[in-house]
Protein backbone atom coordinates (compact mmCIF):
# COMPACT_ATOMS: atom_id res chain seq x y z
CA UNK A 1 47.73 16.58 -4.82
CA UNK A 2 48.74 13.29 -6.35
CA UNK A 3 51.47 13.46 -8.95
CA UNK A 4 51.08 12.20 -12.48
CA UNK A 5 52.84 9.01 -13.32
CA UNK A 6 54.19 7.78 -16.64
CA UNK A 7 52.96 4.55 -18.14
CA UNK A 8 53.36 2.86 -21.50
CA UNK A 9 50.08 1.83 -23.12
CA UNK A 10 49.53 -0.35 -26.20
CA UNK A 11 47.30 1.52 -28.66
CA UNK A 12 45.85 -1.73 -30.01
CA UNK A 13 44.84 -3.77 -26.98
CA UNK A 14 45.26 -1.29 -24.09
CA UNK A 15 47.87 -3.30 -22.19
CA UNK A 16 49.95 -1.23 -19.75
CA UNK A 17 53.69 -1.77 -19.15
CA UNK A 18 56.21 0.04 -16.97
CA UNK A 19 58.77 0.51 -19.74
CA UNK A 20 58.80 0.94 -23.49
CA UNK A 21 59.28 -2.11 -25.69
CA UNK A 22 59.01 -2.71 -29.39
CA UNK A 23 56.47 -5.54 -29.25
CA UNK A 24 53.39 -5.76 -27.08
CA UNK A 25 53.37 -8.98 -25.04
CA UNK A 26 49.56 -9.07 -24.93
CA UNK A 27 48.55 -8.73 -28.59
CA UNK A 28 51.86 -9.22 -30.40
CA UNK A 29 51.71 -5.91 -32.32
CA UNK A 30 54.92 -4.05 -33.09
CA UNK A 31 55.53 -0.33 -32.41
CA UNK A 32 52.11 0.11 -30.77
CA UNK A 33 53.27 1.14 -27.27
CA UNK A 34 53.09 4.89 -26.54
CA UNK A 35 54.17 6.81 -23.46
CA UNK A 36 51.24 8.43 -21.64
CA UNK A 37 50.89 10.48 -18.46
CA UNK A 38 48.16 9.21 -16.16
CA UNK A 39 46.66 11.33 -13.41
CA UNK A 40 47.24 10.21 -9.85
CA UNK A 41 44.65 8.22 -8.00
CA UNK A 42 43.11 9.47 -4.73
CA UNK A 43 45.39 8.63 -1.85
CA UNK A 44 42.80 7.07 0.42
CA UNK A 45 39.44 5.37 0.38
CA UNK A 46 36.33 7.45 1.04
CA UNK A 47 35.22 7.35 4.65
CA UNK A 48 31.78 5.96 5.49
CA UNK A 49 29.21 8.75 5.51
CA UNK A 50 31.57 11.26 3.92
CA UNK A 51 30.09 13.96 1.73
CA UNK A 52 29.67 12.92 -1.90
CA UNK A 53 29.89 9.22 -1.07
CA UNK A 54 27.20 7.00 -2.59
CA UNK A 55 26.69 3.75 -0.77
CA UNK A 56 25.83 0.59 -2.64
CA UNK A 57 22.65 -1.28 -1.81
CA UNK A 58 22.45 -5.08 -1.88
CA UNK A 59 19.19 -6.54 -3.19
CA UNK A 60 18.31 -10.20 -2.90
CA UNK A 61 17.42 -11.99 -6.11
CA UNK A 62 14.21 -13.23 -4.53
CA UNK A 63 12.99 -9.64 -4.23
CA UNK A 64 13.01 -9.25 -8.03
CA UNK A 65 10.57 -12.06 -8.78
CA UNK A 66 7.56 -9.74 -8.82
CA UNK A 67 9.08 -7.42 -11.44
CA UNK A 68 8.69 -7.75 -15.17
CA UNK A 69 11.02 -10.22 -16.84
CA UNK A 70 11.53 -7.90 -19.81
CA UNK A 71 13.89 -4.96 -19.54
CA UNK A 72 12.19 -1.55 -20.03
CA UNK A 73 12.81 -0.57 -23.64
CA UNK A 74 12.37 2.49 -25.81
CA UNK A 75 11.39 1.43 -29.32
CA UNK A 76 12.52 3.70 -32.14
CA UNK A 77 9.92 2.63 -34.68
CA UNK A 78 12.67 1.59 -37.12
CA UNK A 79 11.89 -2.12 -37.32
CA UNK A 80 15.27 -3.38 -38.50
CA UNK A 81 17.14 -1.40 -35.83
CA UNK A 82 14.77 -2.53 -33.08
CA UNK A 83 15.18 -6.15 -34.23
CA UNK A 84 18.97 -6.03 -33.91
CA UNK A 85 19.05 -4.43 -30.45
CA UNK A 86 16.32 -6.74 -29.15
CA UNK A 87 13.16 -4.64 -29.39
CA UNK A 88 14.39 -1.14 -28.53
CA UNK A 89 16.95 0.72 -26.47
CA UNK A 90 17.11 -0.53 -22.88
CA UNK A 91 17.10 2.23 -20.26
CA UNK A 92 20.54 2.73 -18.76
CA UNK A 93 22.29 0.66 -21.41
CA UNK A 94 25.38 1.53 -23.45
CA UNK A 95 25.82 0.52 -27.10
CA UNK A 96 28.89 0.68 -29.31
CA UNK A 97 28.33 1.03 -33.08
CA UNK A 98 31.28 0.47 -35.42
CA UNK A 99 31.72 0.58 -39.16
CA UNK A 100 33.80 1.86 -42.05
CA UNK A 101 33.86 5.61 -42.76
CA UNK A 102 30.88 6.66 -44.87
CA UNK A 103 28.98 3.41 -44.30
CA UNK A 104 26.00 5.23 -42.75
CA UNK A 105 26.48 5.08 -38.96
CA UNK A 106 25.74 8.75 -38.36
CA UNK A 107 22.81 8.69 -40.78
CA UNK A 108 21.18 5.72 -39.07
CA UNK A 109 21.59 7.14 -35.56
CA UNK A 110 20.32 10.55 -36.63
CA UNK A 111 17.26 8.85 -38.09
CA UNK A 112 16.80 6.95 -34.80
CA UNK A 113 16.98 10.21 -32.82
CA UNK A 114 14.44 11.82 -35.16
CA UNK A 115 12.08 8.84 -34.82
CA UNK A 116 12.24 9.04 -31.02
CA UNK A 117 11.69 12.81 -31.10
CA UNK A 118 8.59 12.36 -33.27
CA UNK A 119 7.24 9.92 -30.68
CA UNK A 120 7.59 12.51 -27.92
CA UNK A 121 10.88 11.19 -26.51
CA UNK A 122 13.93 13.32 -25.74
CA UNK A 123 16.92 12.48 -27.95
CA UNK A 124 20.30 14.24 -27.85
CA UNK A 125 22.82 13.98 -30.70
CA UNK A 126 26.35 15.14 -29.74
CA UNK A 127 28.88 15.34 -32.57
CA UNK A 128 32.60 15.57 -31.99
CA UNK A 129 33.48 15.59 -35.69
CA UNK A 130 30.94 18.00 -37.21
CA UNK A 131 29.59 21.40 -36.29
CA UNK A 132 25.92 21.85 -35.44
CA UNK A 133 25.34 23.56 -38.78
CA UNK A 134 26.75 20.55 -40.62
CA UNK A 135 24.50 18.16 -38.71
CA UNK A 136 21.50 20.36 -39.52
CA UNK A 137 22.47 20.36 -43.20
CA UNK A 138 22.55 16.54 -43.21
CA UNK A 139 19.23 16.39 -41.36
CA UNK A 140 17.68 18.73 -43.94
CA UNK A 141 18.94 16.52 -46.77
CA UNK A 142 17.38 13.46 -45.07
CA UNK A 143 14.08 15.24 -44.51
CA UNK A 144 14.49 15.27 -40.72
CA UNK A 145 14.89 19.00 -40.11
CA UNK A 146 11.43 19.38 -38.56
CA UNK A 147 12.04 16.95 -35.69
CA UNK A 148 12.88 18.33 -32.21
CA UNK A 149 16.25 16.60 -31.81
CA UNK A 150 18.68 18.31 -29.42
CA UNK A 151 22.02 18.91 -31.14
CA UNK A 152 25.44 19.78 -29.71
CA UNK A 153 29.04 19.86 -30.91
CA UNK A 154 31.39 19.13 -28.01
CA UNK A 155 34.31 16.84 -27.21
CA UNK A 156 35.02 17.52 -23.51
CA UNK A 157 33.43 14.83 -21.34
CA UNK A 158 33.05 17.14 -18.33
CA UNK A 159 31.16 19.75 -20.40
CA UNK A 160 28.94 17.07 -21.94
CA UNK A 161 28.02 15.62 -18.56
CA UNK A 162 27.36 19.07 -17.06
CA UNK A 163 25.02 19.92 -19.94
CA UNK A 164 23.15 16.61 -19.76
CA UNK A 165 22.74 16.80 -15.97
CA UNK A 166 21.46 20.37 -16.17
CA UNK A 167 18.32 19.45 -18.13
CA UNK A 168 15.76 16.62 -18.15
CA UNK A 169 17.16 13.12 -18.53
CA UNK A 170 17.12 12.15 -22.22
CA UNK A 171 15.89 8.80 -23.47
CA UNK A 172 18.81 8.45 -25.93
CA UNK A 173 22.22 10.14 -26.15
CA UNK A 174 24.33 9.60 -29.29
CA UNK A 175 28.06 10.39 -29.08
CA UNK A 176 29.71 10.58 -32.50
CA UNK A 177 32.41 9.47 -32.02
CA UNK A 178 34.09 8.05 -28.91
CA UNK A 179 37.56 8.61 -30.43
CA UNK A 180 37.05 12.40 -30.37
CA UNK A 181 36.13 12.67 -26.67
CA UNK A 182 38.66 13.69 -24.02
CA UNK A 183 38.60 14.17 -20.28
CA UNK A 184 40.77 16.42 -18.12
CA UNK A 185 41.43 13.57 -15.70
CA UNK A 186 43.84 12.01 -18.22
CA UNK A 187 46.80 13.80 -19.78
CA UNK A 188 46.72 12.15 -23.19
CA UNK A 189 45.70 13.17 -26.66
CA UNK A 190 42.12 12.43 -27.81
CA UNK A 191 41.86 9.05 -29.49
CA UNK A 192 44.50 7.33 -27.39
CA UNK A 193 43.67 4.19 -25.48
CA UNK A 194 43.69 5.93 -22.11
CA UNK A 195 41.37 8.74 -23.26
CA UNK A 196 38.94 6.39 -25.01
CA UNK A 197 38.73 4.13 -21.99
CA UNK A 198 38.28 7.01 -19.50
CA UNK A 199 35.69 8.79 -21.66
CA UNK A 200 33.69 5.61 -22.24
CA UNK A 201 33.75 4.79 -18.53
CA UNK A 202 32.45 8.25 -17.61
CA UNK A 203 29.60 8.12 -20.12
CA UNK A 204 28.63 4.57 -19.13
CA UNK A 205 28.55 5.64 -15.47
CA UNK A 206 26.18 8.46 -16.45
CA UNK A 207 23.92 6.00 -18.29
CA UNK A 208 23.73 3.59 -15.34
CA UNK A 209 22.96 6.31 -12.78
CA UNK A 210 20.38 8.28 -14.80
CA UNK A 211 18.68 5.60 -16.89
CA UNK A 212 19.49 7.24 -20.23
CA UNK A 213 20.53 4.99 -23.11
CA UNK A 214 23.97 5.86 -24.51
CA UNK A 215 25.05 5.05 -28.06
CA UNK A 216 28.79 5.40 -28.80
CA UNK A 217 30.04 5.52 -32.38
CA UNK A 218 33.47 3.94 -32.92
CA UNK A 219 35.88 4.02 -35.82
CA UNK A 220 37.22 0.80 -37.30
CA UNK A 221 40.75 -0.24 -38.19
CA UNK A 222 41.93 -1.35 -41.61
CA UNK A 223 41.06 -4.99 -40.83
CA UNK A 224 37.49 -4.13 -39.82
CA UNK A 225 37.88 -4.22 -36.02
CA UNK A 226 36.55 -1.40 -33.85
CA UNK A 227 39.46 0.88 -33.00
CA UNK A 228 40.51 1.40 -29.41
CA UNK A 229 41.02 -0.98 -26.50
CA UNK A 230 39.04 -4.19 -26.42
CA UNK A 231 38.08 -3.38 -22.84
CA UNK A 232 35.56 -0.84 -24.18
CA UNK A 233 33.67 -3.65 -25.92
CA UNK A 234 33.50 -5.46 -22.59
CA UNK A 235 32.24 -2.35 -20.80
CA UNK A 236 29.23 -1.73 -23.07
CA UNK A 237 26.06 -3.81 -23.15
CA UNK A 238 25.86 -4.29 -26.92
CA UNK A 239 28.28 -4.08 -29.84
CA UNK A 240 26.81 -3.44 -33.29
CA UNK A 241 28.75 -3.64 -36.53
CA UNK A 242 27.57 -1.77 -39.63
CA UNK A 243 28.71 -3.63 -42.74
CA UNK A 244 28.43 -3.06 -46.45
CA UNK A 245 30.33 -2.67 -49.67
CA UNK A 246 30.67 0.65 -51.45
CA UNK A 247 29.47 -0.86 -54.73
CA UNK A 248 26.23 -2.17 -53.18
CA UNK A 249 23.25 -0.04 -52.20
CA UNK A 250 22.33 -1.87 -49.00
CA UNK A 251 23.87 -2.12 -45.55
CA UNK A 252 23.80 -4.83 -42.88
CA UNK A 253 23.65 -3.99 -39.16
CA UNK A 254 24.91 -6.97 -37.16
CA UNK A 255 24.88 -7.51 -33.39
CA UNK A 256 28.09 -9.20 -32.27
CA UNK A 257 27.29 -8.79 -28.56
CA UNK A 258 23.99 -8.08 -26.84
CA UNK A 259 23.25 -8.51 -23.13
CA UNK A 260 19.55 -7.79 -23.62
CA UNK A 261 18.78 -9.63 -26.85
CA UNK A 262 19.96 -12.24 -29.34
CA UNK A 263 23.48 -11.95 -30.70
CA UNK A 264 24.29 -12.42 -34.41
CA UNK A 265 20.96 -10.82 -35.34
CA UNK A 266 21.05 -8.68 -38.48
CA UNK A 267 19.05 -5.79 -39.86
CA UNK A 268 19.18 -4.90 -43.56
CA UNK A 269 18.93 -1.32 -44.82
CA UNK A 270 18.94 0.15 -48.30
CA UNK A 271 20.89 3.34 -48.94
CA UNK A 272 18.72 5.89 -50.74
CA UNK A 273 18.89 9.63 -51.42
CA UNK A 274 16.74 10.26 -48.35
CA UNK A 275 18.69 8.08 -45.94
CA UNK A 276 18.57 4.43 -44.95
CA UNK A 277 15.37 2.56 -45.74
CA UNK A 278 14.34 -0.71 -44.13
CA UNK A 279 14.45 -3.99 -46.06
CA UNK A 280 11.86 -6.21 -44.42
CA UNK A 281 12.59 -9.21 -46.69
CA UNK A 282 16.36 -9.42 -47.31
CA UNK A 283 16.14 -12.80 -49.08
CA UNK A 284 14.28 -11.28 -52.01
CA UNK A 285 16.87 -8.52 -52.21
CA UNK A 286 19.84 -10.89 -52.25
CA UNK A 287 18.21 -13.08 -54.93
CA UNK A 288 16.67 -10.30 -57.03
CA UNK A 289 19.38 -10.27 -59.73
CA UNK A 290 20.15 -13.98 -59.81
CA UNK A 291 20.95 -15.62 -63.16
CA UNK A 292 19.88 -19.22 -62.66
CA UNK A 293 21.29 -20.40 -66.01
CA UNK A 294 24.92 -19.66 -65.10
CA UNK A 295 27.11 -22.54 -63.82
CA UNK A 296 28.75 -22.03 -60.45
CA UNK A 297 25.82 -20.45 -58.59
CA UNK A 298 24.03 -22.12 -55.66
CA UNK A 299 21.31 -20.76 -53.36
CA UNK A 300 22.14 -21.17 -49.68
CA UNK A 301 19.42 -21.20 -47.02
CA UNK A 302 21.19 -19.64 -44.04
CA UNK A 303 20.30 -18.31 -40.62
CA UNK A 304 21.24 -14.85 -39.37
CA UNK A 305 20.28 -14.75 -35.71
CA UNK A 306 16.62 -15.74 -35.57
CA UNK A 307 15.91 -14.88 -39.21
CA UNK A 308 16.33 -17.25 -42.18
CA UNK A 309 18.09 -15.52 -45.07
CA UNK A 310 18.58 -16.96 -48.56
CA UNK A 311 21.52 -15.77 -50.62
CA UNK A 312 23.44 -16.81 -53.71
CA UNK A 313 26.95 -18.25 -53.51
CA UNK A 314 28.97 -17.84 -56.70
CA UNK A 315 32.07 -19.84 -57.59
CA UNK A 316 34.44 -19.76 -60.54
CA UNK A 317 36.96 -22.51 -61.25
CA UNK A 318 39.38 -21.57 -64.04
CA UNK A 319 42.72 -22.98 -65.28
CA UNK A 320 45.59 -21.14 -63.67
CA UNK A 321 48.56 -19.84 -65.69
CA UNK A 322 50.49 -19.36 -62.43
CA UNK A 323 52.69 -21.80 -60.61
CA UNK A 324 50.67 -21.16 -57.43
CA UNK A 325 46.94 -20.95 -58.18
CA UNK A 326 44.95 -18.10 -56.68
CA UNK A 327 42.30 -18.46 -53.98
CA UNK A 328 40.09 -15.36 -53.68
CA UNK A 329 37.16 -15.29 -51.24
CA UNK A 330 34.63 -12.52 -50.56
CA UNK A 331 32.06 -12.94 -47.80
CA UNK A 332 33.20 -16.30 -46.42
CA UNK A 333 36.03 -17.78 -44.36
CA UNK A 334 39.07 -18.51 -46.60
CA UNK A 335 40.24 -21.33 -44.32
CA UNK A 336 36.80 -22.94 -44.60
CA UNK A 337 37.10 -22.82 -48.39
CA UNK A 338 40.50 -24.52 -48.20
CA UNK A 339 38.95 -27.31 -46.14
CA UNK A 340 36.10 -27.87 -48.63
CA UNK A 341 38.58 -27.95 -51.53
CA UNK A 342 40.71 -30.51 -49.70
CA UNK A 343 37.67 -32.73 -49.08
CA UNK A 344 36.63 -32.52 -52.75
CA UNK A 345 40.10 -33.55 -53.86
CA UNK A 346 40.73 -36.28 -51.28
CA UNK A 347 37.24 -37.83 -50.98
CA UNK A 348 35.66 -37.07 -54.37
CA UNK A 349 38.77 -37.27 -56.59
CA UNK A 350 38.28 -33.85 -58.17
CA UNK A 351 41.31 -32.11 -59.66
CA UNK A 352 41.24 -28.58 -58.27
CA UNK A 353 44.85 -28.05 -57.22
CA UNK A 354 45.91 -26.52 -60.56
CA UNK A 355 42.91 -24.18 -60.92
CA UNK A 356 42.23 -20.65 -59.76
CA UNK A 357 39.30 -20.56 -57.32
CA UNK A 358 37.10 -17.50 -56.88
CA UNK A 359 34.24 -17.52 -54.36
CA UNK A 360 31.78 -14.72 -53.73
CA UNK A 361 28.66 -14.27 -51.62
CA UNK A 362 26.40 -12.15 -53.84
CA UNK A 363 25.19 -8.86 -52.46
CA UNK A 364 28.05 -8.31 -50.01
CA UNK A 365 26.62 -10.46 -47.21
CA UNK A 366 29.12 -12.11 -44.87
CA UNK A 367 28.44 -15.73 -43.89
CA UNK A 368 30.01 -17.30 -40.83
CA UNK A 369 28.09 -20.53 -40.23
CA UNK A 370 29.42 -23.95 -41.40
CA UNK A 371 26.00 -24.79 -42.87
CA UNK A 372 27.18 -23.10 -46.09
CA UNK A 373 29.69 -25.91 -46.79
CA UNK A 374 27.27 -27.88 -48.97
CA UNK A 375 26.23 -24.84 -51.02
CA UNK A 376 29.88 -23.85 -51.55
CA UNK A 377 30.76 -27.38 -52.67
CA UNK A 378 27.79 -27.44 -55.07
CA UNK A 379 28.84 -24.11 -56.60
CA UNK A 380 32.44 -25.30 -57.03
CA UNK A 381 31.46 -28.59 -58.68
CA UNK A 382 28.92 -26.81 -60.88
CA UNK A 383 31.55 -24.38 -62.15
CA UNK A 384 34.05 -27.17 -62.75
CA UNK A 385 31.48 -29.31 -64.60
CA UNK A 386 30.05 -26.40 -66.58
CA UNK A 387 26.53 -27.42 -65.54
CA UNK A 388 24.05 -24.96 -64.04
CA UNK A 389 22.36 -26.12 -60.87
CA UNK A 390 18.53 -26.43 -60.80
CA UNK A 391 16.99 -22.99 -60.37
CA UNK A 392 14.40 -24.22 -57.84
CA UNK A 393 16.88 -25.86 -55.43
CA UNK A 394 18.42 -24.69 -52.18
CA UNK A 395 21.40 -26.17 -50.33
CA UNK A 396 22.51 -26.33 -46.71
CA UNK A 397 24.61 -28.76 -44.69
CA UNK A 398 27.97 -29.07 -42.98
CA UNK A 399 30.76 -31.06 -44.63
CA UNK A 400 33.12 -33.03 -42.41
CA UNK A 401 36.70 -34.00 -43.20
CA UNK A 402 35.57 -37.53 -43.99
CA UNK A 403 33.27 -36.20 -46.71
CA UNK A 404 30.08 -36.86 -44.73
CA UNK A 405 27.28 -34.29 -44.86
CA UNK A 406 26.08 -33.46 -41.36
CA UNK A 407 22.76 -31.87 -40.32
CA UNK A 408 22.58 -28.29 -39.06
CA UNK A 409 20.25 -26.44 -36.71
CA UNK A 410 17.06 -24.56 -37.58
CA UNK A 411 16.31 -26.75 -40.61
CA UNK A 412 12.50 -26.22 -40.45
CA UNK A 413 12.90 -22.42 -40.53
CA UNK A 414 15.27 -22.65 -43.50
CA UNK A 415 12.85 -24.88 -45.40
CA UNK A 416 9.81 -22.71 -44.67
CA UNK A 417 11.58 -19.59 -45.94
CA UNK A 418 12.71 -21.45 -49.07
CA UNK A 419 9.19 -22.67 -49.77
CA UNK A 420 7.77 -19.18 -49.25
CA UNK A 421 10.16 -17.78 -51.87
CA UNK A 422 9.09 -20.34 -54.48
CA UNK A 423 11.76 -23.03 -54.22
CA UNK A 424 10.56 -26.61 -54.65
CA UNK A 425 13.60 -28.75 -53.83
CA UNK A 426 16.13 -28.86 -51.00
CA UNK A 427 19.45 -30.71 -51.01
CA UNK A 428 20.03 -31.49 -47.35
CA UNK A 429 21.81 -33.99 -45.08
CA UNK A 430 20.00 -37.31 -44.68
CA UNK A 431 19.25 -36.76 -40.99
CA UNK A 432 17.43 -33.47 -41.63
CA UNK A 433 13.78 -33.43 -40.55
CA UNK A 434 11.51 -32.00 -43.27
CA UNK A 435 8.14 -32.54 -41.56
CA UNK A 436 5.58 -29.91 -42.49
CA UNK A 437 7.54 -28.68 -45.51
CA UNK A 438 6.26 -28.94 -49.05
CA UNK A 439 9.74 -29.07 -50.56
CA UNK A 440 11.01 -32.26 -52.17
CA UNK A 441 14.16 -33.29 -50.29
CA UNK A 442 17.24 -34.88 -51.80
CA UNK A 443 19.03 -36.42 -48.83
CA UNK A 444 22.78 -36.89 -48.94
CA UNK A 445 25.04 -39.13 -46.89
CA UNK A 446 28.32 -37.79 -48.23
CA UNK A 447 29.70 -35.23 -50.63
CA UNK A 448 30.43 -37.81 -53.33
CA UNK A 449 26.69 -38.21 -53.95
CA UNK A 450 26.36 -34.51 -54.67
CA UNK A 451 29.35 -34.62 -57.03
CA UNK A 452 27.84 -37.58 -58.89
CA UNK A 453 24.49 -35.84 -59.34
CA UNK A 454 26.03 -32.64 -60.68
CA UNK A 455 28.51 -34.52 -62.88
CA UNK A 456 25.64 -36.47 -64.48
CA UNK A 457 24.20 -33.17 -65.73
CA UNK A 458 27.56 -31.72 -66.81
CA UNK A 459 28.78 -31.25 -70.34
CA UNK A 460 31.98 -33.10 -69.60
CA UNK A 461 33.04 -35.81 -67.16
CA UNK A 462 34.94 -34.48 -64.22
CA UNK A 463 35.21 -37.52 -61.98
CA UNK A 464 35.02 -41.26 -62.15
CA UNK A 465 31.85 -41.95 -60.13
CA UNK A 466 31.77 -45.21 -58.14
CA UNK A 467 28.79 -47.52 -58.65
CA UNK A 468 27.34 -47.07 -55.14
CA UNK A 469 27.45 -43.29 -55.58
CA UNK A 470 25.60 -43.52 -58.92
CA UNK A 471 22.92 -45.60 -57.22
CA UNK A 472 22.50 -43.00 -54.49
CA UNK A 473 22.20 -40.25 -57.10
CA UNK A 474 19.52 -42.16 -59.01
CA UNK A 475 17.61 -42.76 -55.75
CA UNK A 476 17.66 -39.06 -54.94
CA UNK A 477 16.35 -38.18 -58.40
CA UNK A 478 13.54 -40.72 -58.09
CA UNK A 479 12.41 -39.49 -54.65
CA UNK A 480 12.91 -35.80 -55.49
């Protein structure tokens, strides 16, 4: 029998060292290395033809040309969930779902299991944090108690696999959560890097050999990252992040990795007393409580995966009583805001260095694309000038360090969604193609033209506008 050996494993990134040290060389975290006992490996390789040995089979790529190009999927019937994962759960795939505590991960997956059970599929929900009675109580509150979902409360991987292999192969297995599972092959406490990695590997192996789809629920750290080693995210086929703010009643399911569908796709859900309801048109939800008469608010036409989504960007520029002005950002990249502020000061001669800057994406949506630069700049200038932007206008475009406004991708889809929601004007880069759109386009070469147009409507002068910029602003008004 092989002896156990001692190794030192980083609890943040999973790096293994042969001695303890205060700082991990891989991720740079301090005091994250813990001593763990790892079971010995088999001493020799399995002999050809030995009992229990499964031989691999090599298949030529040419032999697959007659098969369907689409992976076999199991649709849940929940449209927003199916959209994010690419049309349904792929047989034999493994998904990792992360999110803050109480965000709705267990509720959404329990609803998915119930939807599959209603369609005649076999769904198994295994909870490592709640008893079966507690899961039933939640299902009764959500109105799902009458669905034939198989429930279990177990944390031992060997017992889970023995139970699953004893019955018919399920279409979906939900494990809530991966941090509670443990295997006897590793002498570590549940939740450690070694246990999480070994448990995930065992469940993924079961999914690949049986064809059942596995959904792992993962906790998140204080900075929003899924807890555990990053190698688990590389092992699974898709990584989904469940986002939302406690003060808002809707949640956003975002795909950050997907081997069988588009990444960066989002699904929007609304939290109700009977569970999570689908929001088929998120743009109307994000703009439902917009006050168009308030300065500092701009509507951004963005893209989330393959779906155009319109949202409101709010900015507040106020005199600062502090020696170092504050910069507070919610829903956008703070370094991107610093770049836009620097361009406004250097290229447009705005005085923003002595002011507090607050930026917020209304509704709790998180924006990551640079196409929001123009909308952010418009909201900042509008707040500084005290002039409300036109209520029927949308903004999108990337701002360069020279002050130029550059075109972005998927412009026709952004314009079509804006026109469908009743907007009549789009402030876009000059090179943007607007063929087939009924919106009047105000085309910009640089950010100074936008500043001049907003300053002309302001209650007070905020910048000395050059003559060529005034001419561009008047041309845009005439053509718009």
